[in-house]
Amino acid sequence: MSATVRYVLAVLAPGQGAQKPGMLTDWLELPGAESFFRWAGAIADADLLALGTTGDAEAIKDTAVTQPLVVAMSLFVARELGGLPGPVAHTPQAGRDVVIAGHSVGELTAAALAGVLSVEAAIALTAVRGRAMAAACAQTPTGMSAVLGGDPDEVTAALEKHGLTPANMNGGGQVVAAGSLDGLAALKADPPAKARVMPLSVAGAFHTEYMAPARAELEGLVGGLRPAEPSRLLLSNADGAAVTTGREVLSRLVSQVTSPVRFDACLATLRDLGVTAVIELPPAGALAGLAKREWKDSDIEVLAVSRPADLDRARALIEAERGRPEPDHLPDWRVVVSPVRGTVSPAAIAEGTQLPAGTPLGRIRSRRAEADVSAGYDGVLAEWLVQEGDLVDAGDPIARLYPEVQS
């Protein structure tokens, strides 16, 4: 396949294993960050804010909470970069100069970035996935180890010898072995020639048949979702191919729980598409490293967005794809959502009113408590989405705001 456009930008969304203690701390300096992670935590039924700031390595290893934490962090930074679906209806013909790929649970982030799932649905589905996979991990002690280097055939033979599965073929000379702890210990004690075996901080053998109970739980859930069609090129971990329908995206999100991740195939497709620049969303580093090793003879720019200071360069790469200067880009509208389930009482504020950050927007009354809702950033109240007395769930939209535009 040859490139048909002059500039192609790829956005990569990391998966579990990319997390680090304190990974949210620096990002909380950005307006609306704390509110976003409290809201995401309410949807995921986990204190993502505490986990991402004060949680130690053991706490954020827990699959049930790590997966929504990683996805929420990637989605927050994507929002900061203007990368989430906005008020303009996307079509399959729009945004084809942007290619999106996620790794493992990062495919849920990618589905939201491609407009297939809402942010709320992506976080909620990730939370269910994480809890289901944690439960599957608890049934049988298993794990994963990265095998770095070595002859591919010899690596495959070594995994077969120890009863292990190549769960991730990541490219850049990296294969992730999954299976019993005894088998992984034997592999580390007797690695393939010129290969290094590194145990991974995960709770079990993901992307193998050990995860069959989790796959079954997700299969019983996704039928209730109404996915949109991808508005940007979205690559699948199954084979590196672009997925063209929302239903197929959901189907693959379910099947990948027990199927190998072929990120090497995604990297090959990206190169075939003529990608000229890559942005890895945080918690960044792992996928950028794989891409650099896989494409070491190319001039593709690979940026790992690992701190707020990297946002300026990321925005420059995005603007180069859009083909217009930074000042011409207006940020998308954002929604204010309910943090809890209850009855809403909106504030007496007229639509069109300019609001400073922190302006009270209403109160949610539940059986147990009351929760205040406020604007997380300066903006203009574009539209109320609820009326007095409406019943809302946690994560339901309450109002729509346009970020303030400086004249």
Protein backbone atom coordinates (compact mmCIF):
# COMPACT_ATOMS: atom_id res chain seq x y z
CA MET A 1 0.00 0.00 0.00
CA SER A 2 1.41 3.42 -0.88
CA ALA A 3 0.77 6.73 0.83
CA THR A 4 -1.79 8.99 -0.85
CA VAL A 5 -1.39 12.00 1.42
CA ARG A 6 1.56 14.24 2.13
CA TYR A 7 1.36 14.12 5.92
CA VAL A 8 -0.08 11.31 8.02
CA LEU A 9 -0.27 11.46 11.81
CA ALA A 10 -0.61 8.36 13.99
CA VAL A 11 -1.95 8.46 17.56
CA LEU A 12 -1.06 5.53 19.82
CA ALA A 13 -2.91 4.65 23.02
CA PRO A 14 -0.97 2.58 25.60
CA GLY A 15 -2.25 -0.40 27.55
CA GLN A 16 -1.80 -1.95 30.95
CA GLY A 17 1.83 -2.17 32.04
CA ALA A 18 2.49 1.45 31.04
CA GLN A 19 1.29 2.75 34.43
CA LYS A 20 3.70 4.35 36.89
CA PRO A 21 3.24 5.52 40.50
CA GLY A 22 2.31 9.21 40.64
CA MET A 23 1.60 9.37 36.92
CA LEU A 24 -1.31 11.83 37.27
CA THR A 25 0.43 14.28 39.61
CA ASP A 26 1.98 16.65 37.04
CA TRP A 27 -1.17 16.65 34.91
CA LEU A 28 -3.35 17.92 37.74
CA GLU A 29 -1.90 21.38 37.13
CA LEU A 30 -4.07 21.61 34.01
CA PRO A 31 -7.54 23.20 34.32
CA GLY A 32 -10.30 20.68 34.77
CA ALA A 33 -7.94 17.73 35.37
CA GLU A 34 -9.01 16.97 38.92
CA SER A 35 -12.70 17.15 38.01
CA PHE A 36 -12.16 14.90 35.00
CA PHE A 37 -10.51 12.15 37.03
CA ARG A 38 -13.13 12.38 39.78
CA TRP A 39 -15.81 12.03 37.11
CA ALA A 40 -13.97 9.15 35.41
CA GLY A 41 -13.57 7.50 38.81
CA ALA A 42 -17.30 7.79 39.44
CA ILE A 43 -17.99 6.00 36.16
CA ALA A 44 -15.35 3.33 36.87
CA ASP A 45 -16.33 2.96 40.55
CA ALA A 46 -12.71 3.51 41.59
CA ASP A 47 -10.76 6.39 43.13
CA LEU A 48 -8.65 7.03 40.05
CA LEU A 49 -7.42 10.36 41.40
CA ALA A 50 -5.89 8.79 44.51
CA LEU A 51 -4.55 5.79 42.60
CA GLY A 52 -2.85 8.00 40.04
CA THR A 53 -1.23 10.29 42.59
CA THR A 54 -0.51 8.40 45.81
CA GLY A 55 -1.03 4.76 44.79
CA ASP A 56 2.14 2.67 44.94
CA ALA A 57 3.27 0.17 42.31
CA GLU A 58 1.34 -2.67 43.95
CA ALA A 59 -1.90 -0.67 44.15
CA ILE A 60 -1.84 0.31 40.48
CA LYS A 61 -0.98 -3.25 39.42
CA ASP A 62 -4.55 -4.31 40.27
CA THR A 63 -6.14 -5.03 36.90
CA ALA A 64 -9.57 -3.92 38.09
CA VAL A 65 -8.40 -0.34 38.58
CA THR A 66 -5.29 -0.11 36.38
CA GLN A 67 -7.17 -0.45 33.12
CA PRO A 68 -9.64 2.42 33.69
CA LEU A 69 -6.81 4.52 35.15
CA VAL A 70 -4.68 4.14 32.00
CA VAL A 71 -7.60 4.72 29.63
CA ALA A 72 -8.87 7.76 31.56
CA MET A 73 -5.40 9.32 31.55
CA SER A 74 -5.02 8.87 27.79
CA LEU A 75 -8.49 10.28 27.14
CA PHE A 76 -7.88 13.31 29.34
CA VAL A 77 -4.72 14.27 27.46
CA ALA A 78 -6.42 13.58 24.13
CA ARG A 79 -9.11 16.03 25.23
CA GLU A 80 -6.44 18.61 26.01
CA LEU A 81 -5.10 18.14 22.49
CA GLY A 82 -8.55 18.56 20.95
CA GLY A 83 -8.64 14.92 19.91
CA LEU A 84 -12.06 13.80 21.12
CA PRO A 85 -15.18 13.89 18.97
CA GLY A 86 -16.73 17.35 18.99
CA PRO A 87 -20.01 18.88 17.83
CA VAL A 88 -19.25 18.44 14.11
CA ALA A 89 -20.58 15.14 12.75
CA HIS A 90 -17.66 13.06 11.54
CA THR A 91 -17.97 10.90 8.43
CA PRO A 92 -15.87 8.01 7.17
CA GLN A 93 -14.43 10.39 4.58
CA ALA A 94 -13.23 12.88 7.20
CA GLY A 95 -10.06 12.71 9.22
CA ARG A 96 -8.41 10.06 7.03
CA ASP A 97 -4.98 11.63 7.50
CA VAL A 98 -5.09 10.54 11.16
CA VAL A 99 -4.54 6.88 12.04
CA ILE A 100 -5.30 5.56 15.52
CA ALA A 101 -4.07 2.37 17.18
CA GLY A 102 -4.29 1.20 20.77
CA HIS A 103 -2.41 -1.56 22.54
CA SER A 104 -4.59 -4.09 24.38
CA VAL A 105 -6.91 -2.07 26.68
CA GLY A 106 -5.67 1.00 24.79
CA GLU A 107 -7.98 -0.14 21.99
CA LEU A 108 -10.87 1.20 24.07
CA THR A 109 -9.13 4.59 24.15
CA ALA A 110 -8.65 4.31 20.40
CA ALA A 111 -12.33 3.48 19.89
CA ALA A 112 -13.29 6.71 21.67
CA LEU A 113 -10.75 8.75 19.69
CA ALA A 114 -12.18 7.34 16.46
CA GLY A 115 -15.71 8.33 17.54
CA VAL A 116 -16.98 4.74 17.88
CA LEU A 117 -17.63 5.02 21.63
CA SER A 118 -18.35 7.99 23.84
CA VAL A 119 -15.79 8.78 26.51
CA GLU A 120 -18.28 7.65 29.14
CA ALA A 121 -18.90 4.32 27.40
CA ALA A 122 -15.19 3.71 26.88
CA ILE A 123 -14.39 4.25 30.56
CA ALA A 124 -17.37 2.20 31.75
CA LEU A 125 -16.56 -0.70 29.41
CA THR A 126 -12.92 -0.56 30.46
CA ALA A 127 -13.92 -0.80 34.12
CA VAL A 128 -16.06 -3.86 33.44
CA ARG A 129 -13.23 -5.40 31.40
CA GLY A 130 -10.72 -4.75 34.18
CA ARG A 131 -12.91 -6.26 36.89
CA ALA A 132 -13.75 -9.29 34.75
CA MET A 133 -10.11 -9.91 33.88
CA ALA A 134 -9.08 -9.50 37.52
CA ALA A 135 -11.64 -12.13 38.48
CA ALA A 136 -10.31 -14.45 35.76
CA CYS A 137 -6.75 -13.88 37.01
CA ALA A 138 -7.81 -14.89 40.53
CA GLN A 139 -8.99 -18.30 39.33
CA THR A 140 -5.51 -19.53 38.31
CA PRO A 141 -2.08 -18.01 39.17
CA THR A 142 -0.62 -16.85 35.84
CA GLY A 143 1.54 -14.03 34.54
CA MET A 144 3.42 -12.50 31.61
CA SER A 145 7.06 -11.85 30.71
CA ALA A 146 8.61 -9.83 27.90
CA VAL A 147 11.14 -11.66 25.77
CA LEU A 148 13.53 -9.10 24.28
CA GLY A 149 15.72 -10.07 21.33
CA GLY A 150 16.69 -13.53 20.16
CA ASP A 151 15.90 -15.40 16.96
CA PRO A 152 12.10 -15.40 16.39
CA ASP A 153 11.97 -19.12 15.65
CA GLU A 154 14.01 -19.93 18.74
CA VAL A 155 11.79 -17.72 20.88
CA THR A 156 8.68 -19.50 19.57
CA ALA A 157 10.24 -22.89 20.27
CA ALA A 158 11.17 -21.86 23.82
CA LEU A 159 7.62 -20.72 24.56
CA GLU A 160 6.18 -23.98 23.25
CA LYS A 161 8.71 -25.95 25.33
CA HIS A 162 7.47 -24.31 28.53
CA GLY A 163 3.76 -24.38 27.65
CA LEU A 164 3.51 -20.62 27.15
CA THR A 165 1.57 -18.50 24.66
CA PRO A 166 2.93 -15.55 22.62
CA ALA A 167 0.24 -13.19 23.92
CA ASN A 168 1.75 -9.98 22.52
CA MET A 169 3.85 -9.71 19.38
CA ASN A 170 4.83 -6.10 19.79
CA GLY A 171 7.47 -5.53 17.13
CA GLY A 172 10.85 -4.02 17.84
CA GLY A 173 12.16 -7.47 18.78
CA GLN A 174 9.69 -7.93 21.65
CA VAL A 175 7.36 -10.87 22.29
CA VAL A 176 5.35 -11.22 25.49
CA ALA A 177 4.98 -14.74 26.84
CA ALA A 178 1.94 -15.61 28.97
CA GLY A 179 0.95 -18.63 30.99
CA SER A 180 1.63 -20.43 34.24
CA LEU A 181 4.05 -18.94 36.75
CA ASP A 182 6.09 -22.15 36.70
CA GLY A 183 6.42 -21.95 32.93
CA LEU A 184 7.48 -18.31 33.08
CA ALA A 185 10.06 -19.09 35.78
CA ALA A 186 11.47 -21.90 33.65
CA LEU A 187 11.69 -19.56 30.64
CA LYS A 188 13.60 -16.98 32.65
CA ALA A 189 15.99 -19.63 33.93
CA ASP A 190 16.56 -20.97 30.41
CA PRO A 191 16.05 -18.07 27.96
CA PRO A 192 16.52 -18.36 24.19
CA ALA A 193 19.98 -17.48 22.88
CA LYS A 194 20.68 -13.74 22.80
CA ALA A 195 17.32 -13.01 24.46
CA ARG A 196 16.46 -11.39 27.76
CA VAL A 197 13.36 -12.33 29.78
CA MET A 198 11.76 -9.59 31.90
CA PRO A 199 8.71 -10.35 34.14
CA LEU A 200 5.90 -7.82 33.70
CA SER A 201 3.86 -6.13 36.43
CA VAL A 202 0.50 -7.61 35.45
CA ALA A 203 -1.92 -9.81 37.35
CA GLY A 204 -2.28 -12.69 34.92
CA ALA A 205 -2.02 -14.22 31.46
CA PHE A 206 -3.92 -11.66 29.40
CA HIS A 207 -4.85 -12.42 25.78
CA THR A 208 -4.93 -16.17 26.38
CA GLU A 209 -7.68 -18.71 27.05
CA TYR A 210 -7.17 -18.07 30.79
CA MET A 211 -9.28 -14.95 30.16
CA ALA A 212 -12.27 -16.85 28.72
CA PRO A 213 -14.58 -15.94 31.65
CA ALA A 214 -13.87 -12.24 31.08
CA ARG A 215 -14.57 -12.55 27.38
CA ALA A 216 -17.90 -14.22 28.12
CA GLU A 217 -18.88 -11.37 30.47
CA LEU A 218 -18.05 -8.73 27.86
CA GLU A 219 -19.98 -10.62 25.18
CA GLY A 220 -23.07 -10.38 27.34
CA LEU A 221 -22.65 -6.63 27.73
CA VAL A 222 -21.67 -5.05 24.40
CA GLY A 223 -24.99 -5.89 22.76
CA GLY A 224 -26.48 -3.00 24.74
CA LEU A 225 -24.11 -0.45 23.18
CA ARG A 226 -24.80 1.53 20.03
CA PRO A 227 -21.44 2.21 18.44
CA ALA A 228 -20.93 4.85 15.77
CA GLU A 229 -18.96 4.21 12.60
CA PRO A 230 -15.24 5.07 12.84
CA SER A 231 -14.60 8.63 11.70
CA ARG A 232 -10.85 8.11 11.52
CA LEU A 233 -8.70 5.19 10.41
CA LEU A 234 -8.70 2.75 13.30
CA LEU A 235 -6.29 -0.20 13.28
CA SER A 236 -6.99 -3.48 15.06
CA ASN A 237 -4.63 -5.46 17.28
CA ALA A 238 -5.95 -8.65 15.71
CA ASP A 239 -4.16 -8.19 12.40
CA GLY A 240 -3.14 -4.55 11.96
CA ALA A 241 -6.00 -3.95 9.53
CA ALA A 242 -8.36 -0.97 9.56
CA VAL A 243 -11.80 -1.64 11.05
CA THR A 244 -14.61 -0.03 9.08
CA THR A 245 -17.73 -0.50 11.21
CA GLY A 246 -18.58 0.21 14.82
CA ARG A 247 -20.03 -3.26 15.33
CA GLU A 248 -16.82 -4.85 14.12
CA VAL A 249 -14.86 -2.65 16.53
CA LEU A 250 -16.97 -3.94 19.44
CA SER A 251 -16.62 -7.53 18.28
CA ARG A 252 -12.85 -7.20 18.16
CA LEU A 253 -12.72 -5.48 21.55
CA VAL A 254 -14.35 -8.58 23.00
CA SER A 255 -12.32 -11.19 21.12
CA GLN A 256 -8.97 -9.52 21.88
CA VAL A 257 -9.34 -10.44 25.57
CA THR A 258 -8.41 -14.03 24.68
CA SER A 259 -6.50 -13.38 21.42
CA PRO A 260 -2.87 -12.33 20.83
CA VAL A 261 -2.07 -8.64 20.41
CA ARG A 262 -0.37 -8.15 17.04
CA PHE A 263 1.01 -4.68 17.58
CA ASP A 264 3.84 -5.58 15.19
CA ALA A 265 1.18 -5.78 12.46
CA CYS A 266 -0.17 -2.35 13.47
CA LEU A 267 3.33 -0.86 13.20
CA ALA A 268 3.76 -2.45 9.77
CA THR A 269 0.44 -1.00 8.58
CA LEU A 270 1.36 2.45 9.88
CA ARG A 271 4.59 2.38 7.93
CA ASP A 272 2.80 1.16 4.79
CA LEU A 273 0.36 4.06 5.14
CA GLY A 274 3.26 6.50 4.99
CA VAL A 275 2.98 7.79 8.54
CA THR A 276 5.22 10.81 9.03
CA ALA A 277 4.70 11.52 12.74
CA VAL A 278 3.49 9.61 15.80
CA ILE A 279 2.08 10.80 19.13
CA GLU A 280 1.85 8.35 22.02
CA LEU A 281 -0.64 9.42 24.66
CA PRO A 282 0.30 9.04 28.34
CA PRO A 283 1.24 7.04 30.26
CA ALA A 284 3.68 7.16 27.37
CA GLY A 285 7.02 5.59 26.54
CA ALA A 286 6.52 1.88 25.84
CA LEU A 287 4.82 2.15 22.44
CA ALA A 288 7.08 5.01 21.33
CA GLY A 289 10.07 2.83 22.15
CA LEU A 290 8.67 -0.06 20.10
CA ALA A 291 8.00 2.24 17.14
CA LYS A 292 11.49 3.74 17.24
CA ARG A 293 13.11 0.31 17.27
CA GLU A 294 10.84 -1.03 14.53
CA TRP A 295 11.39 2.04 12.32
CA LYS A 296 15.00 2.77 13.25
CA ASP A 297 15.98 3.37 9.62
CA SER A 298 13.20 5.94 9.00
CA ASP A 299 12.78 9.66 9.61
CA ILE A 300 9.34 9.29 11.24
CA GLU A 301 9.08 11.60 14.27
CA VAL A 302 7.90 9.70 17.35
CA LEU A 303 6.75 11.76 20.34
CA ALA A 304 5.97 10.21 23.73
CA VAL A 305 3.74 12.69 25.58
CA SER A 306 5.03 11.96 29.07
CA ARG A 307 4.60 15.37 30.75
CA PRO A 308 2.62 18.58 30.22
CA ALA A 309 5.66 20.25 28.65
CA ASP A 310 5.28 17.84 25.70
CA LEU A 311 1.84 19.19 24.80
CA ASP A 312 3.17 22.09 22.72
CA ARG A 313 5.09 19.78 20.40
CA ALA A 314 2.11 17.43 20.18
CA ARG A 315 -0.15 20.32 19.22
CA ALA A 316 2.34 21.36 16.53
CA LEU A 317 2.24 17.85 15.03
CA ILE A 318 -1.56 17.89 15.11
CA GLU A 319 -1.71 21.30 13.44
CA ALA A 320 0.67 20.12 10.73
CA GLU A 321 -1.80 17.33 9.93
CA ARG A 322 -4.72 19.74 9.94
CA GLY A 323 -2.83 21.99 7.59
CA ARG A 324 -3.64 25.22 9.39
CA PRO A 325 -1.84 27.36 11.93
CA GLU A 326 -2.46 26.98 15.66
CA PRO A 327 -4.43 30.25 16.10
CA ASP A 328 -7.07 29.08 13.60
CA HIS A 329 -8.07 26.07 15.69
CA LEU A 330 -10.99 26.51 18.02
CA PRO A 331 -11.34 23.93 20.80
CA ASP A 332 -14.32 21.59 20.77
CA TRP A 333 -17.19 21.99 23.22
CA ARG A 334 -17.14 19.92 26.37
CA VAL A 335 -19.88 18.52 28.57
CA VAL A 336 -20.34 18.84 32.32
CA VAL A 337 -21.53 15.55 33.78
CA SER A 338 -23.09 14.33 36.98
CA PRO A 339 -20.64 12.78 39.48
CA VAL A 340 -23.38 10.64 41.12
CA ARG A 341 -26.84 9.19 40.53
CA GLY A 342 -29.67 11.39 41.78
CA THR A 343 -32.08 14.22 41.07
CA VAL A 344 -30.66 17.35 39.47
CA SER A 345 -31.30 20.99 40.36
CA PRO A 346 -29.64 23.20 37.72
CA ALA A 347 -28.41 26.65 38.69
CA ALA A 348 -30.40 29.66 37.46
CA ILE A 349 -27.93 30.57 34.69
CA ALA A 350 -29.09 31.53 31.21
CA GLU A 351 -27.65 29.85 28.14
CA GLY A 352 -25.04 32.09 26.52
CA THR A 353 -23.65 33.26 29.87
CA GLN A 354 -19.87 33.48 30.14
CA LEU A 355 -18.69 31.49 33.16
CA PRO A 356 -15.38 31.56 35.01
CA ALA A 357 -13.89 28.26 36.15
CA GLY A 358 -15.48 27.07 39.38
CA THR A 359 -18.93 28.58 38.74
CA PRO A 360 -21.58 26.43 40.52
CA LEU A 361 -23.85 24.80 37.93
CA GLY A 362 -26.19 22.88 40.18
CA ARG A 363 -26.63 20.14 42.73
CA ILE A 364 -27.36 16.41 42.51
CA ARG A 365 -29.42 14.96 45.36
CA SER A 366 -29.23 11.23 45.99
CA ARG A 367 -30.64 9.15 48.83
CA ARG A 368 -27.35 9.25 50.70
CA ALA A 369 -25.80 12.63 49.93
CA GLU A 370 -25.72 15.77 47.83
CA ALA A 371 -23.05 16.61 45.26
CA ASP A 372 -22.34 20.04 43.81
CA VAL A 373 -21.40 20.43 40.15
CA SER A 374 -19.32 23.31 38.81
CA ALA A 375 -17.60 24.43 35.61
CA GLY A 376 -14.10 22.97 35.38
CA TYR A 377 -12.79 25.74 33.11
CA ASP A 378 -13.62 29.20 31.75
CA GLY A 379 -16.28 29.01 29.08
CA VAL A 380 -19.73 29.90 27.75
CA LEU A 381 -22.83 27.95 28.76
CA ALA A 382 -24.01 26.71 25.37
CA GLU A 383 -26.91 24.50 26.39
CA TRP A 384 -28.62 22.96 29.40
CA LEU A 385 -29.16 19.23 28.87
CA VAL A 386 -31.37 18.69 31.96
CA GLN A 387 -34.30 20.33 33.75
CA GLU A 388 -35.22 20.69 37.42
CA GLY A 389 -36.03 17.31 38.92
CA ASP A 390 -34.55 15.14 36.17
CA LEU A 391 -33.07 11.83 37.32
CA VAL A 392 -29.46 11.38 36.18
CA ASP A 393 -26.89 8.62 36.55
CA ALA A 394 -23.21 9.14 37.30
CA GLY A 395 -21.59 10.28 34.06
CA ASP A 396 -24.79 11.62 32.48
CA PRO A 397 -24.31 15.00 30.75
CA ILE A 398 -25.85 18.03 32.48
CA ALA A 399 -24.71 20.99 30.39
CA ARG A 400 -22.60 21.80 27.36
CA LEU A 401 -19.90 24.48 27.49
CA TYR A 402 -17.75 26.10 24.85
CA PRO A 403 -14.23 26.85 26.14
CA GLU A 404 -13.53 30.57 26.30
CA VAL A 405 -11.87 31.95 23.20
CA GLN A 406 -9.44 34.81 23.73
CA SER A 407 -9.85 37.71 21.34
